């Protein structure tokens, strides 16, 4: 499943991890060293939010996929 740090995908991850423990949540993240412009109110890297969701959902295995510029 696709996963971000938002409430919608977090709720979907909750239910999916209860039905199928070990489910993988894929989240795109910028490459290491990314220094591009980020619009106000946006996040370039949602990894901390996804990791927070994974800490409370032990049945979720987050997979981070680096974007190719």
Protein backbone atom coordinates (compact mmCIF):
# COMPACT_ATOMS: atom_id res chain seq x y z
CA UNK A 1 0.00 0.00 0.00
CA UNK A 2 1.09 3.60 -0.51
CA UNK A 3 1.80 5.38 2.74
CA UNK A 4 2.38 8.98 3.71
CA UNK A 5 2.40 10.70 7.06
CA UNK A 6 -1.19 11.89 6.58
CA UNK A 7 -4.31 10.78 8.38
CA UNK A 8 -5.95 9.00 5.44
CA UNK A 9 -3.13 6.57 4.68
CA UNK A 10 -2.40 6.12 8.39
CA UNK A 11 -6.00 5.02 9.00
CA UNK A 12 -5.87 2.68 6.00
CA UNK A 13 -2.55 1.28 7.29
CA UNK A 14 -4.14 0.62 10.68
CA UNK A 15 -6.91 -1.51 9.21
CA UNK A 16 -4.64 -3.21 6.68
CA UNK A 17 -2.07 -4.15 9.34
CA UNK A 18 -4.82 -5.70 11.47
CA UNK A 19 -6.06 -7.81 8.56
CA UNK A 20 -2.65 -8.77 7.18
CA UNK A 21 0.20 -8.35 9.69
CA UNK A 22 3.50 -7.68 7.96
CA UNK A 23 1.92 -5.55 5.25
CA UNK A 24 4.37 -3.20 3.55
CA UNK A 25 3.70 0.50 3.30
CA UNK A 26 5.64 2.23 0.52
CA UNK A 27 6.59 5.87 0.91
CA UNK A 28 8.59 7.96 -1.55
CA UNK A 29 11.35 10.06 0.00
CA UNK A 30 13.91 12.44 -1.49
CA UNK A 31 17.45 11.28 -2.12
CA UNK A 32 20.00 11.91 0.64
CA UNK A 33 21.29 15.47 0.49
CA UNK A 34 18.17 16.88 -1.19
CA UNK A 35 18.19 20.66 -0.96
CA UNK A 36 15.43 21.60 -3.40
CA UNK A 37 12.78 24.23 -2.85
CA UNK A 38 9.79 23.15 -0.74
CA UNK A 39 6.51 25.08 -0.96
CA UNK A 40 5.18 26.50 2.33
CA UNK A 41 3.05 24.01 4.24
CA UNK A 42 4.58 21.00 2.45
CA UNK A 43 7.13 18.39 3.50
CA UNK A 44 9.83 17.01 1.24
CA UNK A 45 10.40 14.01 3.48
CA UNK A 46 7.50 12.38 5.33
CA UNK A 47 9.73 9.67 6.76
CA UNK A 48 9.42 10.86 10.41
CA UNK A 49 5.63 10.74 10.20
CA UNK A 50 5.60 7.29 8.59
CA UNK A 51 8.06 6.01 11.20
CA UNK A 52 5.77 7.34 13.95
CA UNK A 53 2.84 5.41 12.44
CA UNK A 54 4.98 2.26 12.21
CA UNK A 55 5.93 2.53 15.90
CA UNK A 56 2.30 2.17 16.94
CA UNK A 57 1.42 -0.40 14.25
CA UNK A 58 3.80 -3.34 14.72
CA UNK A 59 2.07 -5.17 11.84
CA UNK A 60 3.24 -2.48 9.39
CA UNK A 61 6.61 -2.69 7.62
CA UNK A 62 7.41 0.70 6.03
CA UNK A 63 9.54 0.69 2.87
CA UNK A 64 11.14 3.97 1.83
CA UNK A 65 11.78 4.49 -1.88
CA UNK A 66 14.19 7.27 -2.85
CA UNK A 67 13.04 9.47 -5.71
CA UNK A 68 15.36 9.94 -8.67
CA UNK A 69 15.67 13.65 -9.47
